Amino acid sequence: MLLTFKSEWTLWYDKTDLNICNDNWDQFLIEIQNIQTFENFWRLFNNAPILSDLPIGSNYHFFKKGIEPKWEDSENIGGGKWVLCVPRTGNLEFEKIWEISLLAMISNRFTSLGNQAINGLVASVRKHEVRFSIWTKQAHDKNLQIEIGKFWKKIIEEEVENTKSSFEFYSHSIN
């Protein structure tokens, strides 16, 4: 029997060409696969390139199905993101953070904070760090945002020793 998620998820990938305008970055956005079961998740997770093998400047986006990984999407526009930057060191703790964060989302560990509070997770591979972003739906609810940040930090600290990174919140609003 296949174990299905409460929400279906989609993995996206992009590798932006730095020679074009930032306004067109989404032309490089590729939808990889929709995932609805734990079996499909593990099949994809175990066969997709790991973060340390991705080219600098590339991103994985893991979002609820139907939500595009851009702040202009109607499901994201009123939201924001929690950001965690992790150095690209030899111990590869960022690989563990990616796995822990994905599993927390698909297994509904965040639902105690509100069923629709989380829209997705992004891993951005940069030269000296991997930047993780949990995208949330309601930036205006400051108490909810604080709870999401605290909960994510707790999940990471339970599984990854010596995490010395800070968590910051940014609203998608341009105001």
N, C-alpha and C. Protein backbone atom coordinates (compact mmCIF):
# COMPACT_ATOMS: atom_id res chain seq x y z
N MET A 1 0.84 -1.19 0.00
CA MET A 1 0.00 0.00 0.00
C MET A 1 0.88 1.25 0.00
N LEU A 2 0.57 2.18 -0.90
CA LEU A 2 1.32 3.42 -0.99
C LEU A 2 0.83 4.42 0.05
N LEU A 3 1.76 5.06 0.74
CA LEU A 3 1.42 6.09 1.71
C LEU A 3 1.40 7.43 1.01
N THR A 4 0.23 8.06 0.92
CA THR A 4 0.11 9.32 0.21
C THR A 4 0.21 10.50 1.17
N PHE A 5 0.64 11.63 0.62
CA PHE A 5 0.75 12.87 1.38
C PHE A 5 -0.62 13.52 1.47
N LYS A 6 -0.79 14.39 2.44
CA LYS A 6 -2.00 15.22 2.50
C LYS A 6 -2.02 16.22 1.37
N SER A 7 -0.84 16.70 0.99
CA SER A 7 -0.69 17.62 -0.14
C SER A 7 0.24 16.99 -1.16
N GLU A 8 -0.06 17.20 -2.43
CA GLU A 8 0.86 16.76 -3.48
C GLU A 8 1.92 17.85 -3.65
N TRP A 9 3.14 17.44 -3.96
CA TRP A 9 4.27 18.36 -4.06
C TRP A 9 4.90 18.28 -5.44
N THR A 10 5.60 19.33 -5.83
CA THR A 10 6.30 19.38 -7.11
C THR A 10 7.74 19.82 -6.89
N LEU A 11 8.67 19.09 -7.49
CA LEU A 11 10.07 19.50 -7.48
C LEU A 11 10.36 20.27 -8.76
N TRP A 12 10.97 21.43 -8.60
CA TRP A 12 11.37 22.29 -9.70
C TRP A 12 12.89 22.47 -9.62
N TYR A 13 13.48 22.86 -10.74
CA TYR A 13 14.92 23.14 -10.79
C TYR A 13 15.14 24.35 -11.67
N ASP A 14 16.13 25.16 -11.32
CA ASP A 14 16.57 26.20 -12.24
C ASP A 14 18.05 26.47 -12.07
N LYS A 15 18.66 26.87 -13.14
CA LYS A 15 20.05 27.34 -13.17
C LYS A 15 20.01 28.60 -14.00
N THR A 16 20.00 29.73 -13.33
CA THR A 16 19.86 31.02 -13.99
C THR A 16 21.11 31.38 -14.77
N ASP A 17 20.90 31.91 -15.95
CA ASP A 17 21.98 32.46 -16.76
C ASP A 17 22.19 33.90 -16.30
N LEU A 18 23.35 34.18 -15.75
CA LEU A 18 23.62 35.50 -15.19
C LEU A 18 23.73 36.59 -16.25
N ASN A 19 23.78 36.23 -17.51
CA ASN A 19 23.91 37.20 -18.58
C ASN A 19 22.58 37.79 -19.04
N ILE A 20 21.47 37.35 -18.45
CA ILE A 20 20.19 37.92 -18.85
C ILE A 20 19.59 38.68 -17.68
N CYS A 21 18.56 39.42 -17.97
CA CYS A 21 17.90 40.26 -16.97
C CYS A 21 17.24 39.41 -15.89
N ASN A 22 17.29 39.88 -14.65
CA ASN A 22 16.66 39.17 -13.53
C ASN A 22 15.15 39.02 -13.72
N ASP A 23 14.55 39.89 -14.51
CA ASP A 23 13.10 39.81 -14.74
C ASP A 23 12.70 38.54 -15.49
N ASN A 24 13.63 37.89 -16.16
CA ASN A 24 13.33 36.70 -16.96
C ASN A 24 13.89 35.42 -16.36
N TRP A 25 14.25 35.42 -15.08
CA TRP A 25 14.88 34.25 -14.49
C TRP A 25 14.00 33.01 -14.61
N ASP A 26 12.67 33.18 -14.58
CA ASP A 26 11.78 32.02 -14.57
C ASP A 26 11.74 31.26 -15.89
N GLN A 27 12.36 31.80 -16.95
CA GLN A 27 12.42 31.04 -18.20
C GLN A 27 13.31 29.81 -18.05
N PHE A 28 14.13 29.78 -17.00
CA PHE A 28 15.00 28.64 -16.73
C PHE A 28 14.39 27.65 -15.74
N LEU A 29 13.19 27.94 -15.25
CA LEU A 29 12.52 27.12 -14.26
C LEU A 29 11.93 25.87 -14.94
N ILE A 30 12.33 24.70 -14.45
CA ILE A 30 11.90 23.43 -15.03
C ILE A 30 11.15 22.63 -13.98
N GLU A 31 9.94 22.21 -14.32
CA GLU A 31 9.18 21.33 -13.44
C GLU A 31 9.70 19.91 -13.63
N ILE A 32 10.23 19.31 -12.55
CA ILE A 32 10.83 17.99 -12.63
C ILE A 32 9.80 16.88 -12.45
N GLN A 33 9.08 16.90 -11.32
CA GLN A 33 8.15 15.81 -11.05
C GLN A 33 7.17 16.20 -9.95
N ASN A 34 5.94 15.70 -10.10
CA ASN A 34 4.95 15.79 -9.03
C ASN A 34 5.08 14.56 -8.15
N ILE A 35 4.92 14.75 -6.85
CA ILE A 35 5.12 13.67 -5.90
C ILE A 35 3.94 13.63 -4.94
N GLN A 36 3.34 12.43 -4.81
CA GLN A 36 2.17 12.30 -3.94
C GLN A 36 2.35 11.20 -2.88
N THR A 37 3.38 10.38 -3.03
CA THR A 37 3.58 9.29 -2.07
C THR A 37 5.00 9.30 -1.53
N PHE A 38 5.17 8.70 -0.36
CA PHE A 38 6.51 8.58 0.22
C PHE A 38 7.43 7.75 -0.68
N GLU A 39 6.87 6.73 -1.32
CA GLU A 39 7.67 5.89 -2.20
C GLU A 39 8.22 6.71 -3.36
N ASN A 40 7.37 7.55 -3.97
CA ASN A 40 7.82 8.40 -5.08
C ASN A 40 8.82 9.45 -4.59
N PHE A 41 8.58 9.96 -3.39
CA PHE A 41 9.53 10.93 -2.82
C PHE A 41 10.92 10.31 -2.69
N TRP A 42 10.99 9.13 -2.07
CA TRP A 42 12.30 8.51 -1.87
C TRP A 42 12.95 8.10 -3.19
N ARG A 43 12.15 7.69 -4.15
CA ARG A 43 12.70 7.35 -5.46
C ARG A 43 13.35 8.59 -6.08
N LEU A 44 12.66 9.71 -6.04
CA LEU A 44 13.22 10.94 -6.58
C LEU A 44 14.40 11.43 -5.75
N PHE A 45 14.25 11.45 -4.44
CA PHE A 45 15.31 11.95 -3.56
C PHE A 45 16.60 11.14 -3.72
N ASN A 46 16.49 9.85 -3.85
CA ASN A 46 17.67 8.99 -3.96
C ASN A 46 18.30 8.99 -5.35
N ASN A 47 17.59 9.52 -6.35
CA ASN A 47 18.12 9.51 -7.71
C ASN A 47 18.44 10.89 -8.28
N ALA A 48 17.94 11.94 -7.64
CA ALA A 48 18.25 13.30 -8.10
C ALA A 48 19.65 13.68 -7.62
N PRO A 49 20.33 14.54 -8.36
CA PRO A 49 21.65 14.99 -7.89
C PRO A 49 21.55 15.64 -6.52
N ILE A 50 22.53 15.36 -5.65
CA ILE A 50 22.55 15.98 -4.34
C ILE A 50 22.99 17.43 -4.49
N LEU A 51 22.73 18.24 -3.47
CA LEU A 51 23.03 19.67 -3.55
C LEU A 51 24.50 19.93 -3.87
N SER A 52 25.40 19.18 -3.27
CA SER A 52 26.83 19.44 -3.50
C SER A 52 27.26 19.11 -4.93
N ASP A 53 26.44 18.39 -5.68
CA ASP A 53 26.75 18.09 -7.08
C ASP A 53 26.11 19.08 -8.05
N LEU A 54 25.26 19.98 -7.55
CA LEU A 54 24.61 20.96 -8.42
C LEU A 54 25.57 22.09 -8.76
N PRO A 55 25.43 22.67 -9.94
CA PRO A 55 26.28 23.81 -10.30
C PRO A 55 25.99 25.02 -9.41
N ILE A 56 27.01 25.84 -9.19
CA ILE A 56 26.84 27.09 -8.45
C ILE A 56 25.80 27.94 -9.18
N GLY A 57 24.88 28.51 -8.43
CA GLY A 57 23.83 29.35 -9.01
C GLY A 57 22.54 28.60 -9.30
N SER A 58 22.51 27.31 -9.03
CA SER A 58 21.30 26.54 -9.30
C SER A 58 20.44 26.42 -8.04
N ASN A 59 19.18 26.05 -8.26
CA ASN A 59 18.21 25.99 -7.17
C ASN A 59 17.28 24.80 -7.35
N TYR A 60 16.97 24.15 -6.23
CA TYR A 60 15.86 23.21 -6.18
C TYR A 60 14.72 23.94 -5.49
N HIS A 61 13.51 23.74 -6.01
CA HIS A 61 12.30 24.31 -5.41
C HIS A 61 11.34 23.15 -5.18
N PHE A 62 10.86 23.00 -3.96
CA PHE A 62 9.94 21.92 -3.62
C PHE A 62 8.68 22.58 -3.06
N PHE A 63 7.62 22.66 -3.90
CA PHE A 63 6.41 23.40 -3.55
C PHE A 63 5.17 22.53 -3.67
N LYS A 64 4.14 22.94 -2.94
CA LYS A 64 2.85 22.27 -3.09
C LYS A 64 2.44 22.38 -4.55
N LYS A 65 1.84 21.30 -5.04
CA LYS A 65 1.42 21.26 -6.44
C LYS A 65 0.45 22.42 -6.71
N GLY A 66 0.67 23.07 -7.82
CA GLY A 66 -0.18 24.19 -8.21
C GLY A 66 0.36 25.55 -7.79
N ILE A 67 1.41 25.56 -6.97
CA ILE A 67 2.04 26.80 -6.55
C ILE A 67 3.40 26.89 -7.25
N GLU A 68 3.57 27.92 -8.07
CA GLU A 68 4.85 28.11 -8.73
C GLU A 68 5.84 28.74 -7.75
N PRO A 69 7.11 28.38 -7.85
CA PRO A 69 8.10 28.88 -6.91
C PRO A 69 8.59 30.29 -7.25
N LYS A 70 7.66 31.23 -7.25
CA LYS A 70 7.98 32.63 -7.45
C LYS A 70 7.06 33.47 -6.57
N TRP A 71 7.56 34.56 -6.08
CA TRP A 71 6.76 35.33 -5.14
C TRP A 71 5.53 35.94 -5.80
N GLU A 72 5.51 36.05 -7.12
CA GLU A 72 4.36 36.62 -7.82
C GLU A 72 3.17 35.66 -7.89
N ASP A 73 3.37 34.37 -7.61
CA ASP A 73 2.26 33.42 -7.60
C ASP A 73 1.23 33.87 -6.58
N SER A 74 -0.05 33.75 -6.90
CA SER A 74 -1.11 34.24 -6.00
C SER A 74 -1.05 33.60 -4.62
N GLU A 75 -0.52 32.39 -4.50
CA GLU A 75 -0.41 31.73 -3.20
C GLU A 75 0.78 32.24 -2.38
N ASN A 76 1.74 32.90 -3.04
CA ASN A 76 2.94 33.37 -2.37
C ASN A 76 2.96 34.88 -2.13
N ILE A 77 2.20 35.61 -2.90
CA ILE A 77 2.36 37.06 -2.94
C ILE A 77 2.15 37.73 -1.58
N GLY A 78 1.29 37.19 -0.74
CA GLY A 78 1.08 37.76 0.60
C GLY A 78 1.96 37.14 1.65
N GLY A 79 2.85 36.29 1.23
CA GLY A 79 3.67 35.53 2.18
C GLY A 79 5.07 36.08 2.33
N GLY A 80 5.93 35.18 2.76
CA GLY A 80 7.32 35.54 2.97
C GLY A 80 8.17 34.28 3.01
N LYS A 81 9.38 34.42 3.51
CA LYS A 81 10.25 33.25 3.58
C LYS A 81 11.20 33.37 4.78
N TRP A 82 11.39 32.22 5.40
CA TRP A 82 12.42 32.06 6.41
C TRP A 82 13.68 31.59 5.70
N VAL A 83 14.80 32.23 5.97
CA VAL A 83 16.04 31.92 5.26
C VAL A 83 17.10 31.45 6.26
N LEU A 84 17.76 30.37 5.89
CA LEU A 84 18.87 29.81 6.65
C LEU A 84 20.03 29.63 5.69
N CYS A 85 21.16 30.27 5.96
CA CYS A 85 22.36 30.13 5.13
C CYS A 85 23.35 29.22 5.84
N VAL A 86 23.80 28.19 5.12
CA VAL A 86 24.70 27.19 5.69
C VAL A 86 25.97 27.15 4.85
N PRO A 87 27.13 27.31 5.49
CA PRO A 87 28.39 27.27 4.74
C PRO A 87 28.58 25.94 4.00
N ARG A 88 29.18 26.03 2.83
CA ARG A 88 29.51 24.82 2.05
C ARG A 88 30.84 24.29 2.55
N THR A 89 30.77 23.49 3.60
CA THR A 89 31.99 22.94 4.19
C THR A 89 32.08 21.45 3.85
N GLY A 90 33.18 20.87 4.21
CA GLY A 90 33.41 19.46 3.92
C GLY A 90 32.50 18.51 4.66
N ASN A 91 31.85 18.96 5.74
CA ASN A 91 31.02 18.04 6.51
C ASN A 91 29.63 17.83 5.90
N LEU A 92 29.27 18.59 4.91
CA LEU A 92 28.03 18.44 4.16
C LEU A 92 26.77 18.48 5.03
N GLU A 93 26.79 19.27 6.10
CA GLU A 93 25.59 19.37 6.94
C GLU A 93 24.41 19.93 6.17
N PHE A 94 24.67 20.69 5.10
CA PHE A 94 23.57 21.25 4.31
C PHE A 94 22.75 20.15 3.62
N GLU A 95 23.38 19.01 3.29
CA GLU A 95 22.63 17.90 2.69
C GLU A 95 21.61 17.35 3.71
N LYS A 96 22.03 17.25 4.96
CA LYS A 96 21.15 16.76 6.02
C LYS A 96 20.01 17.76 6.29
N ILE A 97 20.32 19.04 6.27
CA ILE A 97 19.29 20.07 6.48
C ILE A 97 18.24 20.01 5.39
N TRP A 98 18.66 19.81 4.15
CA TRP A 98 17.72 19.68 3.02
C TRP A 98 16.78 18.50 3.26
N GLU A 99 17.34 17.35 3.60
CA GLU A 99 16.54 16.15 3.83
C GLU A 99 15.58 16.34 5.01
N ILE A 100 16.07 16.84 6.12
CA ILE A 100 15.24 17.05 7.32
C ILE A 100 14.09 18.00 7.02
N SER A 101 14.38 19.08 6.33
CA SER A 101 13.36 20.08 6.03
C SER A 101 12.30 19.53 5.08
N LEU A 102 12.73 18.79 4.06
CA LEU A 102 11.77 18.17 3.14
C LEU A 102 10.87 17.18 3.87
N LEU A 103 11.47 16.33 4.69
CA LEU A 103 10.69 15.33 5.42
C LEU A 103 9.71 15.99 6.39
N ALA A 104 10.10 17.07 7.02
CA ALA A 104 9.20 17.78 7.93
C ALA A 104 7.98 18.31 7.17
N MET A 105 8.22 18.81 5.96
CA MET A 105 7.10 19.35 5.17
C MET A 105 6.16 18.25 4.69
N ILE A 106 6.71 17.20 4.08
CA ILE A 106 5.83 16.18 3.49
C ILE A 106 5.15 15.33 4.54
N SER A 107 5.73 15.23 5.73
CA SER A 107 5.10 14.44 6.79
C SER A 107 4.23 15.30 7.69
N ASN A 108 3.99 16.54 7.27
CA ASN A 108 3.05 17.45 7.94
C ASN A 108 3.45 17.85 9.35
N ARG A 109 4.74 17.91 9.62
CA ARG A 109 5.17 18.35 10.95
C ARG A 109 4.85 19.82 11.19
N PHE A 110 4.69 20.60 10.13
CA PHE A 110 4.36 22.02 10.28
C PHE A 110 2.86 22.27 10.42
N THR A 111 2.02 21.26 10.22
CA THR A 111 0.57 21.48 10.23
C THR A 111 0.05 21.93 11.59
N SER A 112 0.77 21.63 12.66
CA SER A 112 0.32 22.10 13.98
C SER A 112 0.34 23.63 14.04
N LEU A 113 1.07 24.26 13.13
CA LEU A 113 1.14 25.72 13.08
C LEU A 113 0.11 26.31 12.12
N GLY A 114 -0.62 25.47 11.46
CA GLY A 114 -1.60 25.90 10.47
C GLY A 114 -1.44 25.07 9.23
N ASN A 115 -2.49 24.43 8.80
CA ASN A 115 -2.43 23.47 7.70
C ASN A 115 -1.87 24.07 6.42
N GLN A 116 -2.17 25.32 6.17
CA GLN A 116 -1.74 25.93 4.91
C GLN A 116 -0.63 26.96 5.11
N ALA A 117 0.10 26.89 6.22
CA ALA A 117 1.11 27.90 6.54
C ALA A 117 2.33 27.83 5.63
N ILE A 118 2.70 26.65 5.15
CA ILE A 118 3.92 26.46 4.36
C ILE A 118 3.56 26.17 2.90
N ASN A 119 4.21 26.90 1.99
CA ASN A 119 3.99 26.66 0.56
C ASN A 119 5.12 25.86 -0.08
N GLY A 120 6.33 25.99 0.44
CA GLY A 120 7.43 25.28 -0.20
C GLY A 120 8.77 25.53 0.45
N LEU A 121 9.77 24.90 -0.13
CA LEU A 121 11.15 24.98 0.35
C LEU A 121 12.07 25.14 -0.86
N VAL A 122 13.05 26.04 -0.72
CA VAL A 122 14.03 26.28 -1.78
C VAL A 122 15.42 26.02 -1.23
N ALA A 123 16.26 25.36 -2.03
CA ALA A 123 17.69 25.22 -1.72
C ALA A 123 18.45 25.90 -2.85
N SER A 124 19.19 26.95 -2.51
CA SER A 124 19.94 27.73 -3.49
C SER A 124 21.44 27.49 -3.27
N VAL A 125 22.08 26.91 -4.27
CA VAL A 125 23.50 26.57 -4.17
C VAL A 125 24.32 27.76 -4.63
N ARG A 126 25.13 28.29 -3.71
CA ARG A 126 25.99 29.42 -4.02
C ARG A 126 27.44 29.01 -3.77
N LYS A 127 28.36 29.88 -4.14
CA LYS A 127 29.78 29.52 -4.09
C LYS A 127 30.23 29.11 -2.69
N HIS A 128 29.84 29.87 -1.67
CA HIS A 128 30.33 29.61 -0.32
C HIS A 128 29.27 29.10 0.64
N GLU A 129 28.03 29.00 0.17
CA GLU A 129 26.94 28.59 1.06
C GLU A 129 25.80 27.94 0.28
N VAL A 130 24.94 27.28 1.02
CA VAL A 130 23.65 26.84 0.50
C VAL A 130 22.61 27.60 1.30
N ARG A 131 21.72 28.27 0.59
CA ARG A 131 20.69 29.09 1.21
C ARG A 131 19.36 28.33 1.13
N PHE A 132 18.80 28.05 2.30
CA PHE A 132 17.51 27.38 2.38
C PHE A 132 16.44 28.41 2.70
N SER A 133 15.29 28.28 2.06
CA SER A 133 14.18 29.20 2.31
C SER A 133 12.88 28.40 2.42
N ILE A 134 12.23 28.53 3.57
CA ILE A 134 10.87 27.99 3.70
C ILE A 134 9.92 29.13 3.38
N TRP A 135 9.12 28.92 2.34
CA TRP A 135 8.18 29.94 1.89
C TRP A 135 6.85 29.75 2.61
N THR A 136 6.37 30.83 3.17
CA THR A 136 5.13 30.80 3.95
C THR A 136 4.05 31.58 3.24
N LYS A 137 2.83 31.36 3.68
CA LYS A 137 1.69 31.94 2.98
C LYS A 137 1.26 33.30 3.52
N GLN A 138 1.43 33.56 4.82
CA GLN A 138 0.84 34.76 5.43
C GLN A 138 1.89 35.55 6.21
N ALA A 139 2.57 36.46 5.54
CA ALA A 139 3.61 37.25 6.20
C ALA A 139 3.04 38.19 7.26
N HIS A 140 1.80 38.62 7.09
CA HIS A 140 1.21 39.57 8.02
C HIS A 140 0.95 38.98 9.41
N ASP A 141 0.88 37.67 9.51
CA ASP A 141 0.65 37.01 10.80
C ASP A 141 2.00 36.80 11.48
N LYS A 142 2.45 37.82 12.19
CA LYS A 142 3.79 37.79 12.79
C LYS A 142 3.97 36.67 13.80
N ASN A 143 2.93 36.39 14.60
CA ASN A 143 3.03 35.31 15.58
C ASN A 143 3.22 33.96 14.89
N LEU A 144 2.47 33.73 13.81
CA LEU A 144 2.62 32.50 13.06
C LEU A 144 4.03 32.40 12.47
N GLN A 145 4.53 33.49 11.91
CA GLN A 145 5.86 33.47 11.32
C GLN A 145 6.93 33.14 12.36
N ILE A 146 6.80 33.72 13.54
CA ILE A 146 7.76 33.43 14.61
C ILE A 146 7.70 31.96 15.01
N GLU A 147 6.50 31.41 15.10
CA GLU A 147 6.35 29.99 15.44
C GLU A 147 6.95 29.08 14.37
N ILE A 148 6.75 29.44 13.10
CA ILE A 148 7.33 28.65 12.01
C ILE A 148 8.86 28.67 12.10
N GLY A 149 9.44 29.85 12.29
CA GLY A 149 10.89 29.97 12.40
C GLY A 149 11.45 29.19 13.58
N LYS A 150 10.81 29.29 14.73
CA LYS A 150 11.25 28.56 15.91
C LYS A 150 11.16 27.05 15.70
N PHE A 151 10.06 26.63 15.09
CA PHE A 151 9.84 25.20 14.85
C PHE A 151 10.88 24.64 13.88
N TRP A 152 11.15 25.37 12.80
CA TRP A 152 12.15 24.92 11.82
C TRP A 152 13.52 24.84 12.47
N LYS A 153 13.87 25.88 13.24
CA LYS A 153 15.16 25.88 13.93
C LYS A 153 15.28 24.68 14.87
N LYS A 154 14.21 24.37 15.60
CA LYS A 154 14.21 23.23 16.53
C LYS A 154 14.43 21.91 15.77
N ILE A 155 13.74 21.75 14.66
CA ILE A 155 13.89 20.54 13.85
C ILE A 155 15.34 20.37 13.40
N ILE A 156 15.94 21.46 12.92
CA ILE A 156 17.33 21.41 12.44
C ILE A 156 18.28 21.09 13.60
N GLU A 157 18.11 21.78 14.71
CA GLU A 157 19.03 21.59 15.84
C GLU A 157 18.92 20.20 16.46
N GLU A 158 17.76 19.55 16.35
CA GLU A 158 17.60 18.19 16.87
C GLU A 158 18.41 17.18 16.06
N GLU A 159 18.62 17.45 14.78
CA GLU A 159 19.23 16.48 13.88
C GLU A 159 20.66 16.82 13.45
N VAL A 160 21.01 18.09 13.46
CA VAL A 160 22.32 18.51 12.96
C VAL A 160 23.10 19.17 14.10
N GLU A 161 24.21 18.59 14.42
CA GLU A 161 25.05 19.13 15.50
C GLU A 161 25.77 20.39 15.04
N ASN A 162 25.96 21.29 15.98
CA ASN A 162 26.77 22.50 15.76
C ASN A 162 26.26 23.37 14.62
N THR A 163 24.95 23.51 14.47
CA THR A 163 24.42 24.42 13.47
C THR A 163 24.60 25.84 14.00
N LYS A 164 25.48 26.59 13.35
CA LYS A 164 25.81 27.94 13.81
C LYS A 164 25.26 28.99 12.86
N SER A 165 24.16 28.73 12.25
CA SER A 165 23.59 29.64 11.29
C SER A 165 22.39 30.36 11.88
N SER A 166 22.12 31.54 11.37
CA SER A 166 20.96 32.30 11.86
C SER A 166 19.80 32.18 10.88
N PHE A 167 18.62 32.29 11.43
CA PHE A 167 17.38 32.24 10.66
C PHE A 167 16.85 33.66 10.56
N GLU A 168 16.45 34.07 9.35
CA GLU A 168 15.90 35.41 9.15
C GLU A 168 14.63 35.31 8.33
N PHE A 169 13.69 36.23 8.57
CA PHE A 169 12.44 36.25 7.83
C PHE A 169 12.39 37.46 6.92
N TYR A 170 11.90 37.24 5.69
CA TYR A 170 11.72 38.30 4.71
C TYR A 170 10.31 38.19 4.13
N SER A 171 9.61 39.32 4.06
CA SER A 171 8.30 39.34 3.42
C SER A 171 8.47 39.44 1.91
N HIS A 172 7.55 38.82 1.15
CA HIS A 172 7.58 38.94 -0.31
C HIS A 172 7.06 40.31 -0.76
N SER A 173 6.42 41.01 0.13
CA SER A 173 5.85 42.32 -0.19
C SER A 173 6.96 43.29 -0.56
N ILE A 174 6.71 44.08 -1.58
CA ILE A 174 7.70 45.06 -2.01
C ILE A 174 7.46 46.42 -1.36
N ASN A 175 6.51 46.48 -0.45
CA ASN A 175 6.21 47.75 0.23
C ASN A 175 7.23 48.06 1.29
